[in-house]
C-alpha atoms as a PDB file:
ATOM      1  CA  MET A   1       2.715 -40.512  20.385  1.00  0.00           C
ATOM      2  CA  SER A   2       3.793 -37.938  17.353  1.00  0.00           C
ATOM      3  CA  ALA A   3       1.949 -38.145  14.179  1.00  0.00           C
ATOM      4  CA  ALA A   4       3.666 -39.223  11.066  1.00  0.00           C
ATOM      5  CA  PRO A   5       5.567 -36.612   8.883  1.00  0.00           C
ATOM      6  CA  ARG A   6       3.446 -35.424   5.922  1.00  0.00           C
ATOM      7  CA  ASP A   7       4.722 -34.614   2.370  1.00  0.00           C
ATOM      8  CA  GLY A   8       8.493 -35.762   3.184  1.00  0.00           C
ATOM      9  CA  ALA A   9       9.063 -33.608   6.286  1.00  0.00           C
ATOM     10  CA  SER A  10      11.345 -35.086   8.592  1.00  0.00           C
ATOM     11  CA  GLU A  11      10.581 -36.155  12.076  1.00  0.00           C
ATOM     12  CA  GLY A  12      10.289 -33.198  14.305  1.00  0.00           C
ATOM     13  CA  GLY A  13      10.538 -30.727  11.424  1.00  0.00           C
ATOM     14  CA  ILE A  14       7.875 -28.157  10.338  1.00  0.00           C
ATOM     15  CA  ASP A  15       4.592 -29.829   8.993  1.00  0.00           C
ATOM     16  CA  SER A  16       2.907 -28.117   6.074  1.00  0.00           C
ATOM     17  CA  ARG A  17       0.405 -28.856   3.486  1.00  0.00           C
ATOM     18  CA  TYR A  18       2.789 -27.794   0.898  1.00  0.00           C
ATOM     19  CA  SER A  19       5.582 -30.152  -0.110  1.00  0.00           C
ATOM     20  CA  GLU A  20       7.624 -27.122  -1.475  1.00  0.00           C
ATOM     21  CA  ALA A  21       7.975 -23.547  -0.029  1.00  0.00           C
ATOM     22  CA  SER A  22       7.123 -22.385  -3.363  1.00  0.00           C
ATOM     23  CA  ALA A  23       4.004 -23.868  -3.434  1.00  0.00           C
ATOM     24  CA  SER A  24       2.655 -21.791  -0.746  1.00  0.00           C
ATOM     25  CA  PRO A  25       0.915 -18.929  -2.473  1.00  0.00           C
ATOM     26  CA  GLY A  26       1.080 -16.463   0.728  1.00  0.00           C
ATOM     27  CA  PHE A  27       4.818 -17.095   0.724  1.00  0.00           C
ATOM     28  CA  VAL A  28       5.245 -16.594  -2.687  1.00  0.00           C
ATOM     29  CA  LEU A  29       3.371 -13.331  -2.614  1.00  0.00           C
ATOM     30  CA  TRP A  30       5.140 -12.398   0.488  1.00  0.00           C
ATOM     31  CA  GLN A  31       8.752 -13.112  -1.569  1.00  0.00           C
ATOM     32  CA  VAL A  32       7.309 -11.067  -4.412  1.00  0.00           C
ATOM     33  CA  ALA A  33       5.855  -8.308  -2.355  1.00  0.00           C
ATOM     34  CA  MET A  34       9.520  -7.786  -0.955  1.00  0.00           C
ATOM     35  CA  VAL A  35      11.405  -7.647  -4.418  1.00  0.00           C
ATOM     36  CA  TRP A  36       8.617  -4.991  -5.833  1.00  0.00           C
ATOM     37  CA  GLN A  37       9.019  -2.922  -2.390  1.00  0.00           C
ATOM     38  CA  ARG A  38      12.780  -2.870  -2.617  1.00  0.00           C
ATOM     39  CA  GLY A  39      12.280  -1.253  -6.160  1.00  0.00           C
ATOM     40  CA  VAL A  40       9.717   1.255  -4.771  1.00  0.00           C
ATOM     41  CA  ARG A  41      11.942   2.281  -1.560  1.00  0.00           C
ATOM     42  CA  ALA A  42      14.677   2.908  -3.946  1.00  0.00           C
ATOM     43  CA  ALA A  43      12.430   4.932  -6.209  1.00  0.00           C
ATOM     44  CA  LEU A  44      10.877   7.027  -3.474  1.00  0.00           C
ATOM     45  CA  ALA A  45      14.285   7.706  -1.760  1.00  0.00           C
ATOM     46  CA  GLU A  46      14.807   9.916  -4.662  1.00  0.00           C
ATOM     47  CA  VAL A  47      12.041  12.334  -3.229  1.00  0.00           C
ATOM     48  CA  ASP A  48      12.577  11.712   0.172  1.00  0.00           C
ATOM     49  CA  LEU A  49       9.061   9.639   0.960  1.00  0.00           C
ATOM     50  CA  THR A  50       8.580   6.164   2.648  1.00  0.00           C
ATOM     51  CA  HIS A  51       6.349   3.933   1.065  1.00  0.00           C
ATOM     52  CA  ALA A  52       3.697   4.386   3.288  1.00  0.00           C
ATOM     53  CA  GLN A  53       4.049   8.289   3.129  1.00  0.00           C
ATOM     54  CA  PHE A  54       3.747   8.008  -0.701  1.00  0.00           C
ATOM     55  CA  VAL A  55       0.714   5.489  -0.503  1.00  0.00           C
ATOM     56  CA  LEU A  56      -1.009   7.975   1.990  1.00  0.00           C
ATOM     57  CA  LEU A  57      -0.028  11.279  -0.158  1.00  0.00           C
ATOM     58  CA  ALA A  58      -1.025   9.580  -3.392  1.00  0.00           C
ATOM     59  CA  SER A  59      -4.628   8.507  -2.015  1.00  0.00           C
ATOM     60  CA  ALA A  60      -5.309  11.926  -0.299  1.00  0.00           C
ATOM     61  CA  GLY A  61      -4.591  13.541  -3.910  1.00  0.00           C
ATOM     62  CA  TRP A  62      -6.654  10.820  -5.598  1.00  0.00           C
ATOM     63  CA  LEU A  63      -9.569  11.343  -3.366  1.00  0.00           C
ATOM     64  CA  GLU A  64      -9.344  15.155  -3.614  1.00  0.00           C
ATOM     65  CA  GLU A  65     -10.037  14.586  -7.298  1.00  0.00           C
ATOM     66  CA  HIS A  66     -12.327  11.683  -7.212  1.00  0.00           C
ATOM     67  CA  ALA A  67     -14.498  11.656  -3.738  1.00  0.00           C
ATOM     68  CA  SER A  68     -17.619  13.328  -3.509  1.00  0.00           C
ATOM     69  CA  GLU A  69     -17.128  14.081   0.289  1.00  0.00           C
ATOM     70  CA  PRO A  70     -14.639  16.199   2.094  1.00  0.00           C
ATOM     71  CA  VAL A  71     -11.247  13.835   2.489  1.00  0.00           C
ATOM     72  CA  THR A  72     -10.757  12.860   5.879  1.00  0.00           C
ATOM     73  CA  GLN A  73      -8.157  10.843   7.855  1.00  0.00           C
ATOM     74  CA  ALA A  74     -10.636   8.145   7.837  1.00  0.00           C
ATOM     75  CA  LEU A  75     -11.595   8.214   4.017  1.00  0.00           C
ATOM     76  CA  VAL A  76      -7.803   8.044   3.409  1.00  0.00           C
ATOM     77  CA  ALA A  77      -7.379   5.005   5.751  1.00  0.00           C
ATOM     78  CA  ALA A  78     -10.275   3.402   3.919  1.00  0.00           C
ATOM     79  CA  HIS A  79      -9.041   4.244   0.734  1.00  0.00           C
ATOM     80  CA  ALA A  80      -5.541   2.939   1.403  1.00  0.00           C
ATOM     81  CA  ARG A  81      -6.655   0.011   3.485  1.00  0.00           C
ATOM     82  CA  SER A  82      -4.419   1.096   6.074  1.00  0.00           C
ATOM     83  CA  ASP A  83      -4.274   1.138   9.953  1.00  0.00           C
ATOM     84  CA  ALA A  84      -5.952   4.330  11.311  1.00  0.00           C
ATOM     85  CA  VAL A  85      -3.509   4.992  14.008  1.00  0.00           C
ATOM     86  CA  MET A  86      -0.423   4.480  11.355  1.00  0.00           C
ATOM     87  CA  THR A  87      -2.421   6.846   8.938  1.00  0.00           C
ATOM     88  CA  SER A  88      -2.697   9.408  11.665  1.00  0.00           C
ATOM     89  CA  GLU A  89       0.879   9.246  12.338  1.00  0.00           C
ATOM     90  CA  VAL A  90       1.950   9.355   8.574  1.00  0.00           C
ATOM     91  CA  LEU A  91      -0.628  12.019   7.831  1.00  0.00           C
ATOM     92  CA  ARG A  92       1.023  14.191  10.644  1.00  0.00           C
ATOM     93  CA  THR A  93       4.549  13.533   9.323  1.00  0.00           C
ATOM     94  CA  LEU A  94       3.402  14.794   5.641  1.00  0.00           C
ATOM     95  CA  GLU A  95       1.994  17.900   7.394  1.00  0.00           C
ATOM     96  CA  ARG A  96       5.198  18.510   9.215  1.00  0.00           C
ATOM     97  CA  LYS A  97       7.109  18.222   5.875  1.00  0.00           C
ATOM     98  CA  GLY A  98       4.540  20.878   4.319  1.00  0.00           C
ATOM     99  CA  LEU A  99       3.103  18.325   2.001  1.00  0.00           C
ATOM    100  CA  LEU A 100      -0.645  18.443   3.132  1.00  0.00           C
ATOM    101  CA  GLN A 101      -2.802  20.468   5.439  1.00  0.00           C
ATOM    102  CA  ARG A 102      -5.376  18.999   8.352  1.00  0.00           C
ATOM    103  CA  LEU A 103      -8.093  21.760   8.224  1.00  0.00           C
ATOM    104  CA  PRO A 104     -11.065  22.074   9.931  1.00  0.00           C
ATOM    105  CA  HIS A 105     -14.094  19.728   8.246  1.00  0.00           C
ATOM    106  CA  PRO A 106     -17.010  21.756   7.226  1.00  0.00           C
ATOM    107  CA  THR A 107     -19.882  20.045   8.949  1.00  0.00           C
ATOM    108  CA  ASP A 108     -18.173  17.496  11.514  1.00  0.00           C
ATOM    109  CA  ALA A 109     -16.268  19.355  14.203  1.00  0.00           C
ATOM    110  CA  ARG A 110     -14.536  16.082  15.499  1.00  0.00           C
ATOM    111  CA  ALA A 111     -12.916  15.583  12.023  1.00  0.00           C
ATOM    112  CA  ARG A 112     -10.084  17.111  10.080  1.00  0.00           C
ATOM    113  CA  ARG A 113     -10.193  17.823   6.417  1.00  0.00           C
ATOM    114  CA  ILE A 114      -7.136  16.539   4.659  1.00  0.00           C
ATOM    115  CA  ALA A 115      -6.005  18.966   1.859  1.00  0.00           C
ATOM    116  CA  LEU A 116      -2.520  18.774  -0.554  1.00  0.00           C
ATOM    117  CA  THR A 117      -0.585  21.725  -0.531  1.00  0.00           C
ATOM    118  CA  ASP A 118       0.672  22.677  -3.770  1.00  0.00           C
ATOM    119  CA  GLU A 119       3.979  21.157  -3.108  1.00  0.00           C
ATOM    120  CA  GLY A 120       2.374  18.124  -2.128  1.00  0.00           C
ATOM    121  CA  ARG A 121       0.468  17.800  -5.242  1.00  0.00           C
ATOM    122  CA  ALA A 122       3.657  18.460  -6.933  1.00  0.00           C
ATOM    123  CA  LEU A 123       5.500  15.646  -5.291  1.00  0.00           C
ATOM    124  CA  ALA A 124       2.632  13.176  -5.519  1.00  0.00           C
ATOM    125  CA  ARG A 125       2.794  13.701  -9.136  1.00  0.00           C
ATOM    126  CA  LYS A 126       6.130  13.050  -9.371  1.00  0.00           C
ATOM    127  CA  ALA A 127       6.333  10.157  -6.886  1.00  0.00           C
ATOM    128  CA  VAL A 128       3.496   8.533  -8.835  1.00  0.00           C
ATOM    129  CA  ALA A 129       5.388   8.679 -12.067  1.00  0.00           C
ATOM    130  CA  LEU A 130       8.356   6.982 -10.044  1.00  0.00           C
ATOM    131  CA  VAL A 131       6.515   4.176  -8.602  1.00  0.00           C
ATOM    132  CA  GLU A 132       4.671   3.484 -12.030  1.00  0.00           C
ATOM    133  CA  ALA A 133       7.944   3.157 -14.057  1.00  0.00           C
ATOM    134  CA  VAL A 134       9.043   0.467 -10.989  1.00  0.00           C
ATOM    135  CA  ASP A 135       5.547  -1.124 -11.796  1.00  0.00           C
ATOM    136  CA  ALA A 136       5.956  -1.071 -15.447  1.00  0.00           C
ATOM    137  CA  ALA A 137       9.978  -2.460 -14.921  1.00  0.00           C
ATOM    138  CA  PHE A 138       8.395  -5.043 -12.222  1.00  0.00           C
ATOM    139  CA  PHE A 139       5.069  -6.401 -13.817  1.00  0.00           C
ATOM    140  CA  GLY A 140       5.379  -5.319 -17.339  1.00  0.00           C
ATOM    141  CA  SER A 141       2.933  -3.730 -19.683  1.00  0.00           C
ATOM    142  CA  PRO A 142      -0.564  -3.524 -18.528  1.00  0.00           C
ATOM    143  CA  GLY A 143      -2.885  -6.077 -20.363  1.00  0.00           C
ATOM    144  CA  PRO A 144      -5.375  -8.929 -19.562  1.00  0.00           C
ATOM    145  CA  GLU A 145      -2.797 -10.614 -17.443  1.00  0.00           C
ATOM    146  CA  LEU A 146      -2.113  -7.993 -15.394  1.00  0.00           C
ATOM    147  CA  ARG A 147      -5.659  -7.008 -14.921  1.00  0.00           C
ATOM    148  CA  ALA A 148      -6.596 -10.610 -13.916  1.00  0.00           C
ATOM    149  CA  LEU A 149      -3.979 -10.500 -11.439  1.00  0.00           C
ATOM    150  CA  ALA A 150      -5.049  -7.318  -9.895  1.00  0.00           C
ATOM    151  CA  GLY A 151      -8.349  -8.615  -9.769  1.00  0.00           C
ATOM    152  CA  ILE A 152      -7.264 -11.836  -7.895  1.00  0.00           C
ATOM    153  CA  LEU A 153      -5.425  -9.914  -5.459  1.00  0.00           C
ATOM    154  CA  CYS A 154      -8.285  -6.954  -4.850  1.00  0.00           C
ATOM    155  CA  THR A 155     -10.794  -9.838  -3.823  1.00  0.00           C
ATOM    156  CA  GLY A 156      -8.669 -12.563  -2.389  1.00  0.00           C
ATOM    157  CA  GLY A 157      -7.780 -11.486   0.927  1.00  0.00           C
ATOM    158  CA  GLY A 158     -11.156  -9.664   2.114  1.00  0.00           C
ATOM    159  CA  GLU A 159     -11.237  -7.182   4.855  1.00  0.00           C
ATOM    160  CA  GLU A 160      -9.141  -7.435   8.256  1.00  0.00           C
END
């Protein structure tokens, strides 16, 4: 015996708590993220970086300036909330491109210290400006609403 359809779903259809797809916050977030990412990908194509390469290069650069400890692959992955294996692969690609170096860690023989090259730092600065221009065009001027949205998004998903 089958359950009756909810919210107007047809018999044998996909049952959902939402009467409209646009009422699903996860679906809407996915759609918005896809539109935003298309803009970011197009901007980063100018500097021959993928979105993942940009995020990890910029994160490593930011951490070089702000971290109170040597920048490691694990620290970059944690900062970007990225998968450790993917982070390793992307950092190796950035190293092959001459944008960063993986150097011996000063106190941990198992770890490598991540350091941007001069070329990597210059490219990161240029790429940040490109992505921030996409952000400004997409999200508008920074203000209380945008800060509130960032706060919701940063705390809404929790950790994996």
